[in-house]
Amino acid sequence: MNIVILANRDLASNYALNLLLPQLSQHNVSVFLSAKVGGNGRKPAELVTLSFFEQKLLNQLLSPLLEKLSSHRGYKSFAQMSSILVSPVEALNAINSPEGLAKISALQPDLVLSIRYGSILKQDVLGLPRLGVLNLHSGVLPDYRGVMATFWAMLNDEKKIGTSLHYIVDAGIDTGRIVAQSHVDVEADKSYLWHVLQLYVEGVALLIEAISTLALGENLSTTEQSGGQYFSFPNVQDLQKFQNKGLSLVKEDELIAFITEHYL
């Protein structure tokens, strides 16, 4: 199949792609990246710090290092993934523009996959792939639609977090029919970012299973969503409540251990 993957230029997306791409060698795969999720408004200092660890650490420090290593057996930077793709990984923020539509249409996609992609897909894009668009949402639907679902689940004292694989059929955010879900236990002494990264082993497995089913010409079983709640980025008060519970957005020692295990 011709598969287009839309992801975000961050650590969790990179990790997910490193898990996913080796399993798609029999398909023609293209990858496009958004620069970020959310607008350009001013963010609380805690979210700026989180953005450093989620994005700048990977894009400005780790990736250049990986690309200079003469022998490297760990996970790849986005640029290093290009060797197993139809074409080099490409930035694409304005996917709904005529230029963006032309790029995707030219690939004649059978299936589009979204993993943390930063733009809402409009109908012209959604109509391109013959098998539809699947989104791997990093939250349990329908209870946690929107951004930073894991943060809100931890703030609400949920015992489990998870991912939801669902179809995107319109511009509604995280509202399409659910294909499958995975769950991970919350560990109170671990950070938000640690929990987000834990989601993708089982989450990517859901994607692989769905792709295999579609490749056989079979339909995916789905469940309609109802109810739920939409969450946006936390404000200063939300972040303070998170901290007051003894929770943290990121712990440097966890991230060092993660990068050492998977990338170095």
Protein backbone atom coordinates (compact mmCIF):
# COMPACT_ATOMS: atom_id res chain seq x y z
CA MET A 1 0.00 0.00 0.00
CA ASN A 2 0.95 3.64 -0.38
CA ILE A 3 0.99 4.99 3.17
CA VAL A 4 1.45 8.63 4.17
CA ILE A 5 2.39 9.28 7.80
CA LEU A 6 1.78 12.69 9.35
CA ALA A 7 3.74 13.21 12.56
CA ASN A 8 5.16 16.02 14.68
CA ARG A 9 8.80 17.00 15.03
CA ASP A 10 9.10 15.82 18.64
CA LEU A 11 10.62 12.99 20.65
CA ALA A 12 7.43 10.95 21.07
CA SER A 13 6.71 11.02 17.32
CA ASN A 14 10.29 10.07 16.54
CA TYR A 15 10.12 7.16 18.98
CA ALA A 16 6.81 6.00 17.50
CA LEU A 17 8.20 6.11 13.96
CA ASN A 18 11.26 4.13 15.00
CA LEU A 19 8.90 1.46 16.32
CA LEU A 20 6.57 1.59 13.31
CA LEU A 21 8.64 2.01 10.15
CA PRO A 22 10.60 -1.27 10.33
CA GLN A 23 7.24 -3.09 10.30
CA LEU A 24 6.12 -1.37 7.09
CA SER A 25 8.93 -2.48 4.77
CA GLN A 26 6.45 -4.07 2.33
CA HIS A 27 4.65 -0.75 1.86
CA ASN A 28 5.56 2.52 0.14
CA VAL A 29 5.81 4.98 3.02
CA SER A 30 6.18 8.77 3.05
CA VAL A 31 6.55 10.90 6.19
CA PHE A 32 5.63 14.56 6.68
CA LEU A 33 6.24 16.52 9.87
CA SER A 34 4.52 19.48 11.51
CA ALA A 35 6.75 21.85 13.45
CA LYS A 36 4.62 21.85 16.59
CA VAL A 37 1.17 21.41 18.07
CA GLY A 38 -0.76 24.56 18.97
CA GLY A 39 -0.50 28.21 18.03
CA ASN A 40 2.09 30.89 18.63
CA GLY A 41 0.56 32.32 21.78
CA ARG A 42 2.54 32.85 24.94
CA LYS A 43 2.92 29.70 27.05
CA PRO A 44 3.56 29.25 30.77
CA ALA A 45 7.23 28.80 31.63
CA GLU A 46 6.66 25.14 32.52
CA LEU A 47 5.39 24.37 29.02
CA VAL A 48 8.32 26.21 27.46
CA THR A 49 10.66 23.98 29.47
CA LEU A 50 8.69 20.90 28.45
CA SER A 51 8.98 21.95 24.81
CA PHE A 52 12.76 22.02 25.16
CA PHE A 53 12.85 18.41 26.32
CA GLU A 54 10.19 17.25 23.84
CA GLN A 55 11.55 19.03 20.77
CA LYS A 56 14.72 21.10 20.98
CA LEU A 57 16.75 18.42 22.74
CA LEU A 58 15.97 16.01 19.90
CA ASN A 59 16.11 18.38 16.95
CA GLN A 60 19.03 20.61 17.92
CA LEU A 61 21.24 18.33 20.02
CA LEU A 62 20.51 14.61 19.74
CA SER A 63 19.75 14.36 16.02
CA PRO A 64 22.91 16.18 14.85
CA LEU A 65 24.93 13.91 17.13
CA LEU A 66 23.33 10.73 15.76
CA GLU A 67 23.89 11.87 12.19
CA LYS A 68 27.62 12.36 12.82
CA LEU A 69 28.25 8.96 14.39
CA SER A 70 30.14 6.67 12.02
CA SER A 71 28.55 3.55 13.47
CA HIS A 72 25.16 3.83 15.08
CA ARG A 73 22.79 0.96 15.90
CA GLY A 74 20.25 2.83 17.98
CA TYR A 75 17.08 4.57 16.88
CA LYS A 76 17.25 7.03 14.01
CA SER A 77 16.79 10.76 13.70
CA PHE A 78 14.04 11.89 11.34
CA ALA A 79 16.60 12.54 8.59
CA GLN A 80 18.11 9.08 9.01
CA MET A 81 14.71 7.48 8.41
CA SER A 82 14.69 8.77 4.83
CA SER A 83 16.69 5.78 3.57
CA ILE A 84 13.70 3.46 4.11
CA LEU A 85 11.07 5.84 2.74
CA VAL A 86 9.80 6.71 -0.72
CA SER A 87 11.39 10.16 -0.34
CA PRO A 88 13.17 12.13 2.40
CA VAL A 89 11.18 13.15 5.47
CA GLU A 90 9.66 16.54 4.70
CA ALA A 91 8.24 19.43 6.72
CA LEU A 92 4.57 20.11 6.00
CA ASN A 93 2.69 22.50 8.24
CA ALA A 94 0.09 23.87 5.80
CA ILE A 95 -1.27 20.51 4.69
CA ASN A 96 -4.68 21.98 3.82
CA SER A 97 -3.20 24.52 1.41
CA PRO A 98 -3.24 23.85 -2.36
CA GLU A 99 0.48 23.07 -2.18
CA GLY A 100 0.00 20.68 0.72
CA LEU A 101 -2.89 18.93 -0.97
CA ALA A 102 -0.84 18.55 -4.14
CA LYS A 103 2.03 16.91 -2.24
CA ILE A 104 -0.23 14.33 -0.64
CA SER A 105 -2.33 13.73 -3.74
CA ALA A 106 0.76 13.08 -5.87
CA LEU A 107 1.60 10.10 -3.64
CA GLN A 108 -1.78 8.47 -4.36
CA PRO A 109 -2.16 7.35 -0.75
CA ASP A 110 -4.18 4.28 0.11
CA LEU A 111 -3.98 5.18 3.80
CA VAL A 112 -2.97 8.21 5.86
CA LEU A 113 -1.76 7.80 9.44
CA SER A 114 -1.61 10.68 11.92
CA ILE A 115 0.64 10.52 14.97
CA ARG A 116 0.73 13.74 17.01
CA TYR A 117 0.36 15.84 13.84
CA GLY A 118 -0.02 19.54 14.58
CA SER A 119 -2.70 20.59 12.07
CA ILE A 120 -6.40 19.76 11.87
CA LEU A 121 -7.07 17.90 8.62
CA LYS A 122 -9.83 19.36 6.48
CA GLN A 123 -12.16 17.52 4.14
CA ASP A 124 -10.04 17.87 0.99
CA VAL A 125 -7.18 16.03 2.70
CA LEU A 126 -9.47 13.48 4.35
CA GLY A 127 -10.93 12.57 0.97
CA LEU A 128 -7.60 11.62 -0.60
CA PRO A 129 -6.79 8.15 0.80
CA ARG A 130 -9.12 5.37 -0.38
CA LEU A 131 -8.89 3.59 3.01
CA GLY A 132 -9.29 6.73 5.09
CA VAL A 133 -7.26 8.48 7.76
CA LEU A 134 -6.34 6.83 11.07
CA ASN A 135 -5.16 8.85 14.06
CA LEU A 136 -3.24 7.44 17.03
CA HIS A 137 -4.42 9.72 19.83
CA SER A 138 -2.34 9.72 23.02
CA GLY A 139 -5.36 9.57 25.29
CA VAL A 140 -8.33 7.42 26.21
CA LEU A 141 -11.33 8.46 24.12
CA PRO A 142 -13.92 9.80 24.45
CA ASP A 143 -12.96 10.96 27.96
CA TYR A 144 -9.78 12.80 26.97
CA ARG A 145 -10.02 14.52 23.61
CA GLY A 146 -7.62 17.31 22.67
CA VAL A 147 -4.04 18.04 23.69
CA MET A 148 -1.89 16.71 26.54
CA ALA A 149 -4.44 14.03 27.40
CA THR A 150 -1.92 12.26 29.63
CA PHE A 151 -1.41 15.43 31.68
CA TRP A 152 -5.14 15.78 32.29
CA ALA A 153 -5.54 12.10 33.14
CA MET A 154 -2.73 12.32 35.70
CA LEU A 155 -4.18 15.54 37.14
CA ASN A 156 -7.54 13.79 37.49
CA ASP A 157 -5.96 10.90 39.42
CA GLU A 158 -6.67 8.31 36.74
CA LYS A 159 -5.07 4.94 37.44
CA LYS A 160 -4.51 4.25 33.76
CA ILE A 161 -3.65 6.27 30.67
CA GLY A 162 -3.72 5.06 27.10
CA THR A 163 -3.95 5.53 23.37
CA SER A 164 -6.95 5.43 21.05
CA LEU A 165 -6.70 4.51 17.38
CA HIS A 166 -9.62 6.12 15.57
CA TYR A 167 -10.73 7.28 12.16
CA ILE A 168 -10.72 10.96 11.23
CA VAL A 169 -13.76 11.66 9.06
CA ASP A 170 -14.27 15.39 9.60
CA ALA A 171 -12.68 18.43 11.25
CA GLY A 172 -13.92 17.39 14.69
CA ILE A 173 -11.04 16.80 17.10
CA ASP A 174 -10.63 13.17 18.22
CA THR A 175 -14.27 12.37 17.54
CA GLY A 176 -14.16 9.60 14.91
CA ARG A 177 -15.06 5.94 15.35
CA ILE A 178 -12.62 4.05 17.58
CA VAL A 179 -10.74 1.09 16.14
CA ALA A 180 -8.80 0.00 19.24
CA GLN A 181 -7.33 1.24 22.51
CA SER A 182 -4.33 0.42 24.68
CA HIS A 183 -3.74 1.15 28.37
CA VAL A 184 -0.73 1.76 30.62
CA ASP A 185 -0.71 1.97 34.41
CA VAL A 186 0.09 5.38 35.92
CA GLU A 187 3.19 5.42 38.11
CA ALA A 188 2.97 8.38 40.48
CA ASP A 189 6.74 8.81 40.82
CA LYS A 190 7.23 9.09 37.05
CA SER A 191 6.89 12.27 35.01
CA TYR A 192 4.32 13.28 32.42
CA LEU A 193 6.84 12.92 29.57
CA TRP A 194 7.89 9.47 30.80
CA HIS A 195 4.25 8.36 30.70
CA VAL A 196 3.72 9.78 27.20
CA LEU A 197 6.68 7.83 25.86
CA GLN A 198 5.42 4.62 27.46
CA LEU A 199 2.23 4.83 25.40
CA TYR A 200 3.80 4.12 22.05
CA VAL A 201 4.95 0.51 22.31
CA GLU A 202 1.37 -0.72 22.59
CA GLY A 203 -0.05 2.20 20.62
CA VAL A 204 2.12 1.46 17.60
CA ALA A 205 1.19 -2.22 17.89
CA LEU A 206 -2.44 -1.15 17.37
CA LEU A 207 -1.42 0.68 14.21
CA ILE A 208 0.52 -2.29 12.86
CA GLU A 209 -2.41 -4.62 13.43
CA ALA A 210 -4.82 -2.22 11.73
CA ILE A 211 -2.52 -1.79 8.73
CA SER A 212 -2.17 -5.56 8.38
CA THR A 213 -5.95 -5.96 8.40
CA LEU A 214 -6.46 -3.26 5.77
CA ALA A 215 -3.67 -4.69 3.60
CA LEU A 216 -5.62 -7.96 3.46
CA GLY A 217 -8.61 -6.09 2.08
CA GLU A 218 -10.61 -6.44 5.28
CA ASN A 219 -12.52 -3.72 7.12
CA LEU A 220 -11.67 -2.60 10.63
CA SER A 221 -14.19 -3.12 13.40
CA THR A 222 -15.07 0.21 15.00
CA THR A 223 -17.05 1.64 17.89
CA GLU A 224 -18.94 4.94 17.81
CA GLN A 225 -17.90 7.58 20.35
CA SER A 226 -20.34 9.39 22.61
CA GLY A 227 -19.89 11.94 25.36
CA GLY A 228 -16.41 12.77 26.58
CA GLN A 229 -14.61 16.05 27.09
CA TYR A 230 -12.19 18.22 25.12
CA PHE A 231 -9.03 19.52 26.82
CA SER A 232 -6.70 22.30 25.71
CA PHE A 233 -3.25 23.25 26.98
CA PRO A 234 -3.07 23.68 30.77
CA ASN A 235 -2.85 27.18 32.18
CA VAL A 236 -0.73 28.39 35.10
CA GLN A 237 -3.33 27.30 37.66
CA ASP A 238 -3.59 23.80 36.15
CA LEU A 239 0.18 23.42 36.18
CA GLN A 240 0.31 24.53 39.82
CA LYS A 241 -2.32 21.93 40.76
CA PHE A 242 -0.25 19.31 38.95
CA GLN A 243 2.83 20.30 40.94
CA ASN A 244 0.88 20.41 44.21
CA LYS A 245 -0.03 16.76 43.69
CA GLY A 246 3.67 15.94 43.65
CA LEU A 247 3.62 15.37 39.90
CA SER A 248 6.23 16.60 37.42
CA LEU A 249 6.21 17.31 33.70
CA VAL A 250 9.70 15.99 33.05
CA LYS A 251 12.58 14.45 34.98
CA GLU A 252 16.00 14.74 33.42
CA ASP A 253 17.27 11.41 34.76
CA GLU A 254 14.33 9.57 33.17
CA LEU A 255 14.97 11.22 29.83
CA ILE A 256 18.70 10.48 29.93
CA ALA A 257 17.93 6.83 30.66
CA PHE A 258 15.40 6.70 27.80
CA ILE A 259 17.77 8.26 25.26
CA THR A 260 20.66 6.07 26.39
CA GLU A 261 18.57 2.91 26.09
CA HIS A 262 17.03 3.60 22.70
CA TYR A 263 19.23 6.03 20.78
CA LEU A 264 22.86 5.69 21.86
